Protein backbone atom coordinates (compact mmCIF):
# COMPACT_ATOMS: atom_id res chain seq x y z
CA UNK A 1 -1.33 8.25 30.83
CA UNK A 2 -0.39 4.55 30.82
CA UNK A 3 2.65 3.35 28.44
CA UNK A 4 1.59 3.37 24.67
CA UNK A 5 1.38 -0.60 23.70
CA UNK A 6 3.70 -2.12 21.08
CA UNK A 7 2.63 -2.59 17.53
CA UNK A 8 3.92 -5.57 15.68
CA UNK A 9 3.53 -6.97 11.52
CA UNK A 10 2.21 -10.33 11.49
CA UNK A 11 0.74 -10.60 8.06
CA UNK A 12 1.05 -9.12 4.51
CA UNK A 13 -0.45 -9.29 1.00
CA UNK A 14 0.30 -7.65 -2.08
CA UNK A 15 -1.21 -7.38 -5.87
CA UNK A 16 1.44 -5.33 -8.17
CA UNK A 17 2.49 -4.91 -11.66
CA UNK A 18 5.35 -7.22 -10.64
CA UNK A 19 2.70 -10.30 -9.96
CA UNK A 20 0.65 -11.39 -7.14
CA UNK A 21 1.77 -12.84 -3.69
CA UNK A 22 4.53 -11.96 -0.75
CA UNK A 23 7.14 -14.37 -1.91
CA UNK A 24 6.98 -14.11 -5.86
CA UNK A 25 6.69 -10.56 -5.69
CA UNK A 26 9.65 -10.14 -3.06
CA UNK A 27 12.12 -12.79 -5.76
CA UNK A 28 10.94 -9.72 -8.41
CA UNK A 29 12.31 -7.03 -6.43
CA UNK A 30 15.05 -8.67 -5.71
CA UNK A 31 15.97 -9.73 -9.42
CA UNK A 32 15.49 -6.34 -10.45
CA UNK A 33 12.81 -7.02 -12.64
CA UNK A 34 10.47 -4.61 -14.34
CA UNK A 35 6.65 -4.13 -13.83
CA UNK A 36 6.28 -1.87 -16.39
CA UNK A 37 4.93 -2.22 -19.86
CA UNK A 38 2.97 -1.35 -22.46
CA UNK A 39 -0.81 -0.45 -21.95
CA UNK A 40 -3.45 -3.41 -22.47
CA UNK A 41 -6.30 -2.33 -20.66
CA UNK A 42 -7.39 0.14 -22.93
CA UNK A 43 -6.10 1.50 -26.69
CA UNK A 44 -3.44 4.22 -25.72
CA UNK A 45 -2.90 4.82 -29.52
CA UNK A 46 -3.49 8.36 -29.49
CA UNK A 47 -2.56 9.32 -26.09
CA UNK A 48 0.87 11.07 -24.97
CA UNK A 49 2.21 7.74 -22.62
CA UNK A 50 1.72 4.28 -24.18
CA UNK A 51 3.02 2.32 -20.67
CA UNK A 52 1.86 1.91 -17.18
CA UNK A 53 2.45 -0.95 -14.68
CA UNK A 54 -0.88 -2.69 -15.14
CA UNK A 55 -1.24 -5.42 -12.24
CA UNK A 56 -0.34 -9.01 -13.57
CA UNK A 57 -1.01 -12.12 -12.35
CA UNK A 58 -4.16 -11.54 -10.65
CA UNK A 59 -7.27 -13.69 -10.98
CA UNK A 60 -10.20 -11.87 -8.79
CA UNK A 61 -12.05 -15.24 -8.54
CA UNK A 62 -9.48 -16.67 -6.67
CA UNK A 63 -10.05 -14.50 -3.90
CA UNK A 64 -13.84 -12.97 -4.17
CA UNK A 65 -17.19 -14.63 -5.15
CA UNK A 66 -17.82 -14.52 -8.45
CA UNK A 67 -21.00 -12.80 -7.72
CA UNK A 68 -19.23 -10.27 -5.66
CA UNK A 69 -16.39 -9.48 -8.42
CA UNK A 70 -19.30 -7.80 -10.01
CA UNK A 71 -19.82 -5.39 -7.51
CA UNK A 72 -16.58 -3.97 -7.25
CA UNK A 73 -14.39 -1.71 -8.76
CA UNK A 74 -10.57 -3.25 -9.36
CA UNK A 75 -9.52 -1.14 -6.68
CA UNK A 76 -11.37 -2.81 -4.35
CA UNK A 77 -10.96 -6.03 -5.84
CA UNK A 78 -7.26 -5.46 -5.38
CA UNK A 79 -7.87 -4.52 -1.94
CA UNK A 80 -9.73 -7.15 -0.85
CA UNK A 81 -7.57 -9.65 -2.74
CA UNK A 82 -4.27 -8.00 -0.80
CA UNK A 83 -6.43 -8.63 2.37
CA UNK A 84 -7.26 -12.28 2.28
CA UNK A 85 -3.40 -13.25 1.69
CA UNK A 86 -2.70 -10.74 4.59
CA UNK A 87 -4.92 -12.91 7.06
CA UNK A 88 -3.62 -15.92 5.56
CA UNK A 89 0.31 -14.86 5.92
CA UNK A 90 -0.91 -14.02 9.57
CA UNK A 91 -2.96 -17.08 10.01
CA UNK A 92 -5.53 -15.21 11.72
CA UNK A 93 -8.65 -17.00 13.04
CA UNK A 94 -11.17 -14.02 13.33
CA UNK A 95 -13.29 -16.62 15.30
CA UNK A 96 -11.14 -16.49 18.09
CA UNK A 97 -10.84 -13.11 18.05
CA UNK A 98 -13.07 -10.40 19.20
CA UNK A 99 -13.68 -8.75 16.38
CA UNK A 100 -15.58 -5.48 17.73
CA UNK A 101 -11.44 -4.66 18.85
CA UNK A 102 -10.39 -5.62 14.90
CA UNK A 103 -10.92 -2.84 12.46
CA UNK A 104 -10.10 -1.69 8.71
CA UNK A 105 -8.27 1.63 7.61
CA UNK A 106 -7.40 1.38 4.36
CA UNK A 107 -6.06 4.14 1.69
CA UNK A 108 -7.01 5.07 -1.64
CA UNK A 109 -5.71 8.36 -3.44
CA UNK A 110 -8.60 8.33 -5.94
CA UNK A 111 -11.04 5.28 -5.37
CA UNK A 112 -13.23 3.80 -7.76
CA UNK A 113 -12.16 5.47 -11.20
CA UNK A 114 -13.05 2.92 -13.83
CA UNK A 115 -16.35 2.69 -12.47
CA UNK A 116 -17.01 6.49 -12.88
CA UNK A 117 -15.48 6.10 -16.53
CA UNK A 118 -17.93 2.95 -17.07
CA UNK A 119 -21.00 4.88 -15.71
CA UNK A 120 -20.22 8.11 -17.42
CA UNK A 121 -20.26 6.55 -20.83
CA UNK A 122 -23.06 4.74 -20.33
CA UNK A 123 -25.18 8.11 -18.53
CA UNK A 124 -24.18 9.64 -21.90
CA UNK A 125 -25.37 6.88 -24.51
CA UNK A 126 -28.42 5.05 -22.47
CA UNK A 127 -29.53 7.79 -20.08
CA UNK A 128 -30.05 8.07 -16.67
CA UNK A 129 -32.42 4.88 -15.79
CA UNK A 130 -29.44 3.03 -17.12
CA UNK A 131 -26.86 4.11 -14.08
CA UNK A 132 -26.37 0.92 -11.95
CA UNK A 133 -27.53 1.03 -8.44
CA UNK A 134 -24.27 -0.38 -7.75
CA UNK A 135 -22.37 2.52 -9.06
CA UNK A 136 -22.05 4.51 -5.70
CA UNK A 137 -20.96 1.33 -3.77
CA UNK A 138 -18.43 0.84 -6.62
CA UNK A 139 -17.23 4.25 -7.02
CA UNK A 140 -16.96 5.46 -3.22
CA UNK A 141 -13.50 5.44 -1.52
CA UNK A 142 -14.26 3.63 1.66
CA UNK A 143 -15.29 0.58 -0.49
CA UNK A 144 -12.43 -1.03 0.32
CA UNK A 145 -12.17 -1.09 3.74
CA UNK A 146 -16.36 -1.76 3.80
CA UNK A 147 -15.81 -4.63 1.69
CA UNK A 148 -12.46 -5.96 4.00
CA UNK A 149 -14.76 -5.41 7.20
CA UNK A 150 -17.63 -7.22 5.57
CA UNK A 151 -15.28 -9.68 4.67
CA UNK A 152 -14.13 -10.96 7.75
CA UNK A 153 -17.10 -9.88 10.15
CA UNK A 154 -14.90 -6.69 11.62
CA UNK A 155 -16.99 -4.65 13.49
CA UNK A 156 -14.17 -1.99 15.12
CA UNK A 157 -13.07 1.20 13.82
CA UNK A 158 -13.18 1.14 9.83
CA UNK A 159 -12.68 3.99 7.34
CA UNK A 160 -10.80 5.48 4.36
CA UNK A 161 -8.12 7.55 3.86
CA UNK A 162 -6.99 9.83 1.17
CA UNK A 163 -3.72 12.00 1.15
CA UNK A 164 -2.86 11.70 -2.73
CA UNK A 165 1.05 9.61 -2.64
CA UNK A 166 0.84 9.84 0.98
CA UNK A 167 -2.45 7.83 1.69
CA UNK A 168 -1.47 4.46 2.68
CA UNK A 169 1.70 5.77 5.02
CA UNK A 170 -1.09 8.11 6.69
CA UNK A 171 -3.30 4.96 7.11
CA UNK A 172 -0.91 2.91 8.38
CA UNK A 173 -0.03 5.65 10.88
CA UNK A 174 -3.27 5.99 12.19
CA UNK A 175 -3.27 2.06 12.49
CA UNK A 176 -0.34 2.26 14.55
CA UNK A 177 -2.08 5.08 16.85
CA UNK A 178 -5.46 3.40 17.18
CA UNK A 179 -3.59 -0.03 18.36
CA UNK A 180 -1.05 1.99 20.66
CA UNK A 181 -3.82 4.21 22.32
CA UNK A 182 -6.11 0.93 23.23
CA UNK A 183 -8.42 1.78 20.17
CA UNK A 184 -8.10 -1.68 18.38
CA UNK A 185 -6.25 -5.05 19.11
CA UNK A 186 -5.52 -5.74 15.53
CA UNK A 187 -6.11 -3.58 12.63
CA UNK A 188 -6.03 -4.78 8.67
CA UNK A 189 -4.20 -1.41 7.08
CA UNK A 190 -2.29 -0.20 3.47
CA UNK A 191 -3.69 1.00 0.54
CA UNK A 192 -5.11 0.36 -2.88
CA UNK A 193 -5.14 1.99 -6.68
CA UNK A 194 -6.50 0.95 -9.83
CA UNK A 195 -6.13 4.52 -12.10
CA UNK A 196 -4.74 2.90 -14.85
CA UNK A 197 -7.77 3.95 -16.99
CA UNK A 198 -7.69 6.59 -19.86
CA UNK A 199 -9.08 9.41 -17.48
CA UNK A 200 -6.04 8.45 -15.08
CA UNK A 201 -3.58 8.34 -17.77
CA UNK A 202 -4.56 11.37 -19.86
CA UNK A 203 -4.96 13.46 -16.31
CA UNK A 204 -1.63 12.36 -15.34
CA UNK A 205 0.01 13.20 -18.82
CA UNK A 206 -1.46 16.06 -18.92
CA UNK A 207 0.46 17.46 -15.85
CA UNK A 208 3.35 16.33 -17.36
CA UNK A 209 4.67 14.36 -14.37
CA UNK A 210 4.52 11.11 -15.99
CA UNK A 211 7.58 9.57 -18.00
CA UNK A 212 7.24 9.51 -22.15
CA UNK A 213 9.91 6.74 -22.72
CA UNK A 214 7.38 4.99 -24.95
CA UNK A 215 10.42 3.24 -27.00
CA UNK A 216 11.63 1.70 -23.96
CA UNK A 217 8.83 1.24 -20.80
CA UNK A 218 10.82 -0.94 -18.77
CA UNK A 219 13.67 1.45 -18.33
CA UNK A 220 11.20 4.59 -17.92
CA UNK A 221 11.14 4.07 -14.08
CA UNK A 222 14.73 5.50 -13.12
CA UNK A 223 14.95 7.22 -9.60
CA UNK A 224 17.77 9.45 -8.61
CA UNK A 225 18.92 8.96 -12.01
CA UNK A 226 19.88 11.75 -14.20
CA UNK A 227 17.71 11.42 -16.95
CA UNK A 228 14.57 10.64 -15.38
CA UNK A 229 11.90 12.34 -16.88
CA UNK A 230 8.82 11.75 -14.63
CA UNK A 231 6.79 8.61 -12.62
CA UNK A 232 5.11 5.77 -14.07
CA UNK A 233 1.55 5.05 -13.39
CA UNK A 234 1.12 1.89 -11.68
CA UNK A 235 -1.93 -0.29 -10.02
CA UNK A 236 -2.01 -2.57 -7.07
CA UNK A 237 -2.51 -2.77 -3.26
CA UNK A 238 -0.92 -3.80 -0.41
CA UNK A 239 -2.35 -4.72 2.83
CA UNK A 240 -0.77 -5.38 6.71
CA UNK A 241 -1.47 -6.74 9.39
CA UNK A 242 -0.99 -4.49 12.39
CA UNK A 243 -1.24 -5.85 15.66
CA UNK A 244 -0.83 -5.42 19.73
CA UNK A 245 2.41 -6.96 20.47
CA UNK A 246 0.29 -8.99 23.56
CA UNK A 247 -2.55 -9.78 21.24
CA UNK A 248 -0.22 -11.44 18.55
CA UNK A 249 1.67 -13.11 21.29
CA UNK A 250 -1.08 -14.88 23.03
CA UNK A 251 -2.58 -16.64 19.93
CA UNK A 252 0.98 -17.59 18.50
CA UNK A 253 1.48 -15.53 15.65
CA UNK A 254 5.05 -14.88 13.68
CA UNK A 255 6.36 -11.40 14.31
CA UNK A 256 8.12 -10.38 11.03
CA UNK A 257 8.92 -6.57 12.12
CA UNK A 258 7.88 -3.77 14.70
CA UNK A 259 6.33 -0.63 13.64
CA UNK A 260 7.97 1.80 15.84
CA UNK A 261 6.82 4.83 14.81
CA UNK A 262 5.12 7.71 12.82
CA UNK A 263 5.67 11.47 11.75
CA UNK A 264 3.55 13.75 9.15
CA UNK A 265 3.84 17.59 8.22
CA UNK A 266 2.46 19.60 5.48
CA UNK A 267 4.71 21.89 3.07
CA UNK A 268 2.22 24.60 2.80
CA UNK A 269 3.95 25.37 -0.77
CA UNK A 270 2.33 23.74 -3.52
CA UNK A 271 -0.50 21.65 -4.47
CA UNK A 272 1.80 19.24 -7.22
CA UNK A 273 5.65 20.25 -6.75
CA UNK A 274 7.23 19.67 -2.91
CA UNK A 275 9.09 22.52 -1.10
CA UNK A 276 12.75 22.45 -2.57
CA UNK A 277 14.41 22.64 0.64
CA UNK A 278 12.89 19.59 1.28
CA UNK A 279 11.73 21.32 5.23
CA UNK A 280 8.73 19.56 5.46
CA UNK A 281 9.91 16.28 4.36
CA UNK A 282 12.77 16.61 7.19
CA UNK A 283 10.44 17.65 9.79
CA UNK A 284 7.82 14.18 8.99
CA UNK A 285 10.92 11.88 9.14
CA UNK A 286 12.39 13.59 12.56
CA UNK A 287 9.09 13.53 14.05
CA UNK A 288 8.76 9.77 12.93
CA UNK A 289 11.99 9.18 14.69
CA UNK A 290 11.18 11.09 17.60
CA UNK A 291 8.29 8.83 17.93
CA UNK A 292 10.17 5.86 17.47
CA UNK A 293 12.82 6.84 19.87
CA UNK A 294 14.89 6.17 17.76
CA UNK A 295 18.14 8.15 16.57
CA UNK A 296 19.20 8.97 12.86
CA UNK A 297 22.37 6.86 13.74
CA UNK A 298 20.37 3.71 14.36
CA UNK A 299 18.51 4.02 10.91
CA UNK A 300 20.15 1.45 8.43
CA UNK A 301 17.83 1.68 5.44
CA UNK A 302 15.53 3.69 3.94
CA UNK A 303 12.82 3.04 1.45
CA UNK A 304 12.39 5.91 -0.50
CA UNK A 305 9.73 8.21 -2.15
CA UNK A 306 11.67 8.37 -5.08
CA UNK A 307 9.16 8.59 -7.74
CA UNK A 308 11.81 9.38 -10.88
CA UNK A 309 10.83 13.10 -11.33
CA UNK A 310 13.51 16.05 -11.22
CA UNK A 311 11.52 18.04 -8.33
CA UNK A 312 10.50 14.76 -5.61
CA UNK A 313 14.02 12.97 -6.01
CA UNK A 314 16.21 15.96 -5.85
CA UNK A 315 13.81 17.38 -2.40
CA UNK A 316 14.06 13.82 -1.10
CA UNK A 317 17.81 13.60 -1.29
CA UNK A 318 18.42 16.88 0.50
CA UNK A 319 16.24 15.67 3.18
CA UNK A 320 18.15 12.80 3.79
CA UNK A 321 21.19 14.98 4.15
CA UNK A 322 19.47 16.97 6.28
CA UNK A 323 18.47 14.30 8.90
CA UNK A 324 21.34 12.19 8.75
CA UNK A 325 24.40 14.67 7.62
CA UNK A 326 27.67 13.37 6.64
CA UNK A 327 26.20 9.60 7.79
CA UNK A 328 23.86 9.92 4.75
CA UNK A 329 26.00 8.92 2.07
CA UNK A 330 26.52 5.58 4.35
CA UNK A 331 22.92 4.33 4.45
CA UNK A 332 21.72 1.96 1.53
CA UNK A 333 18.06 3.82 -0.20
CA UNK A 334 16.06 1.65 -2.24
CA UNK A 335 13.26 3.16 -4.57
CA UNK A 336 10.42 0.25 -4.99
CA UNK A 337 8.77 2.32 -7.58
CA UNK A 338 11.63 1.95 -10.11
CA UNK A 339 10.36 -1.62 -10.45
CA UNK A 340 6.70 -1.23 -9.90
CA UNK A 341 6.00 2.05 -11.07
CA UNK A 342 3.89 4.73 -8.90
CA UNK A 343 1.02 2.89 -7.38
CA UNK A 344 -0.52 6.66 -5.96
CA UNK A 345 -2.66 5.84 -2.59
CA UNK A 346 -1.04 2.46 -2.90
CA UNK A 347 2.48 3.09 -3.29
CA UNK A 348 3.39 3.39 0.63
CA UNK A 349 1.95 -0.01 1.68
CA UNK A 350 3.07 -1.99 -1.05
CA UNK A 351 6.96 -0.38 -0.41
CA UNK A 352 6.67 -0.99 3.65
CA UNK A 353 6.13 -4.81 2.61
CA UNK A 354 9.07 -4.67 0.62
CA UNK A 355 10.74 -2.97 3.74
CA UNK A 356 9.56 -5.24 6.07
CA UNK A 357 10.57 -8.23 4.03
CA UNK A 358 14.17 -6.45 3.84
CA UNK A 359 14.35 -6.78 7.79
CA UNK A 360 12.82 -10.60 7.14
CA UNK A 361 15.42 -11.87 5.01
CA UNK A 362 18.39 -9.35 5.18
CA UNK A 363 18.41 -8.36 1.84
CA UNK A 364 17.44 -5.18 0.23
CA UNK A 365 16.23 -4.83 -3.44
CA UNK A 366 17.81 -2.25 -5.85
CA UNK A 367 16.78 0.74 -7.53
CA UNK A 368 16.84 0.03 -11.37
CA UNK A 369 17.63 1.52 -14.37
CA UNK A 370 20.36 3.57 -12.46
CA UNK A 371 22.93 4.36 -15.32
CA UNK A 372 24.12 8.19 -15.13
CA UNK A 373 24.60 9.80 -11.60
CA UNK A 374 23.16 13.09 -11.27
CA UNK A 375 24.96 15.24 -9.21
CA UNK A 376 22.25 17.05 -7.23
CA UNK A 377 21.33 12.63 -6.06
CA UNK A 378 24.41 11.71 -4.84
CA UNK A 379 23.85 9.17 -2.11
CA UNK A 380 23.68 5.45 -2.35
CA UNK A 381 20.72 4.19 -4.30
CA UNK A 382 21.30 0.84 -4.04
CA UNK A 383 22.13 0.78 -8.09
CA UNK A 384 20.77 -2.15 -10.41
CA UNK A 385 21.43 -4.94 -7.83
CA UNK A 386 20.50 -6.45 -4.62
CA UNK A 387 22.52 -6.07 -1.39
CA UNK A 388 23.21 -8.21 1.59
CA UNK A 389 21.88 -5.70 4.62
CA UNK A 390 21.35 -6.74 8.48
CA UNK A 391 18.36 -4.12 8.42
CA UNK A 392 17.60 -3.10 12.02
CA UNK A 393 15.60 0.10 11.86
CA UNK A 394 14.36 1.44 8.87
CA UNK A 395 12.47 4.62 7.37
CA UNK A 396 9.56 4.53 4.47
CA UNK A 397 9.30 7.79 3.07
CA UNK A 398 5.97 8.96 1.16
CA UNK A 399 5.22 12.15 0.14
CA UNK A 400 1.74 13.21 -1.71
CA UNK A 401 0.29 16.08 -3.86
CA UNK A 402 -1.01 18.88 -1.68
CA UNK A 403 2.29 18.81 0.11
CA UNK A 404 1.76 15.86 2.65
CA UNK A 405 4.75 14.32 4.36
CA UNK A 406 4.91 10.96 5.94
CA UNK A 407 7.28 8.59 7.22
CA UNK A 408 7.29 5.16 8.98
CA UNK A 409 9.81 3.45 11.45
CA UNK A 410 9.95 -0.39 11.69
CA UNK A 411 12.77 -2.57 12.85
CA UNK A 412 13.69 -5.86 13.70
CA UNK A 413 11.55 -7.32 16.38
CA UNK A 414 12.95 -8.42 19.95
CA UNK A 415 11.03 -9.09 23.02
């Protein structure tokens, strides 16, 4: 069997509650800014939760033709915009590539929820004859991947992935495998989500999964902190260019990091709660490290799943201790969701971009709103202030409803 090809990251783009564009969002993360605030998308007066991580500073027409904007659900708009940014960041000229070997693997936890809600209201009010012919093409979860493929004329493997909050990590893991084993030379991968809608907010609130800190939204997401009371729903997208090393080198691309390995497992425990011992998460992390040929002692940074829920944060802490032993207390751990909220199927992509930016810049962003330590969560969560750190090897975790556990390993590129 031929050796696996090395895979590198050459471009990144994101649309987030902290803003749009690689540098502005990274600066906001380092500054410990919060993207959480009162909901303005709809009247949330009668909802249990009145706040979320809404996308800020996004103008669809800057990335998508006006006529096409109307044919895309917001989740697909975010994905397409993030892919345009990633392609530009990678200085890609697809005319000089074999487009049949370039593909798209894009995740979403839920897909076109806005379109589903609006069409259902129209159906009830005006009848079936008024349902738009664009309803299904806007609703379907693969709409983002398909539209990205069409935009750039990419004829390689193209599909969507869904595994709740682990979705984007699964998509990126599959992109890694497809390049390693020769199915593709380049894949646009990541995730997108737009569930800050009446049904989305009501549904997650009914699960009692959301923070109800309505009096102080910017401080509602507080991963690993003693007084955490749930996650904050967020929206946005992250797209990365995964590329075979030789392909990137041939075109003289700037390489931002190397994708070293991927691991996954299932809890087989509960549809929404993590397995308390963290055993499934431990297996996913260990599989990822073995796949990357990296020892636990080589890991210098963790971007945690860190939802800000009592059960998840405690279980992830247990898992990190099981993997890293006594050294777990010496590894800086950041929680991006403390500032963006939880972007569900897009979260892992946004967080991998943050991890790569740490590798690039030698700085790790803080976990904000960390006030009162929790005895169950007693590791180094980079509380409240960014930190200088030479990140050589990092892991990014993502765990999802259904018991899905994933971990990606990335590192500083060296020839």
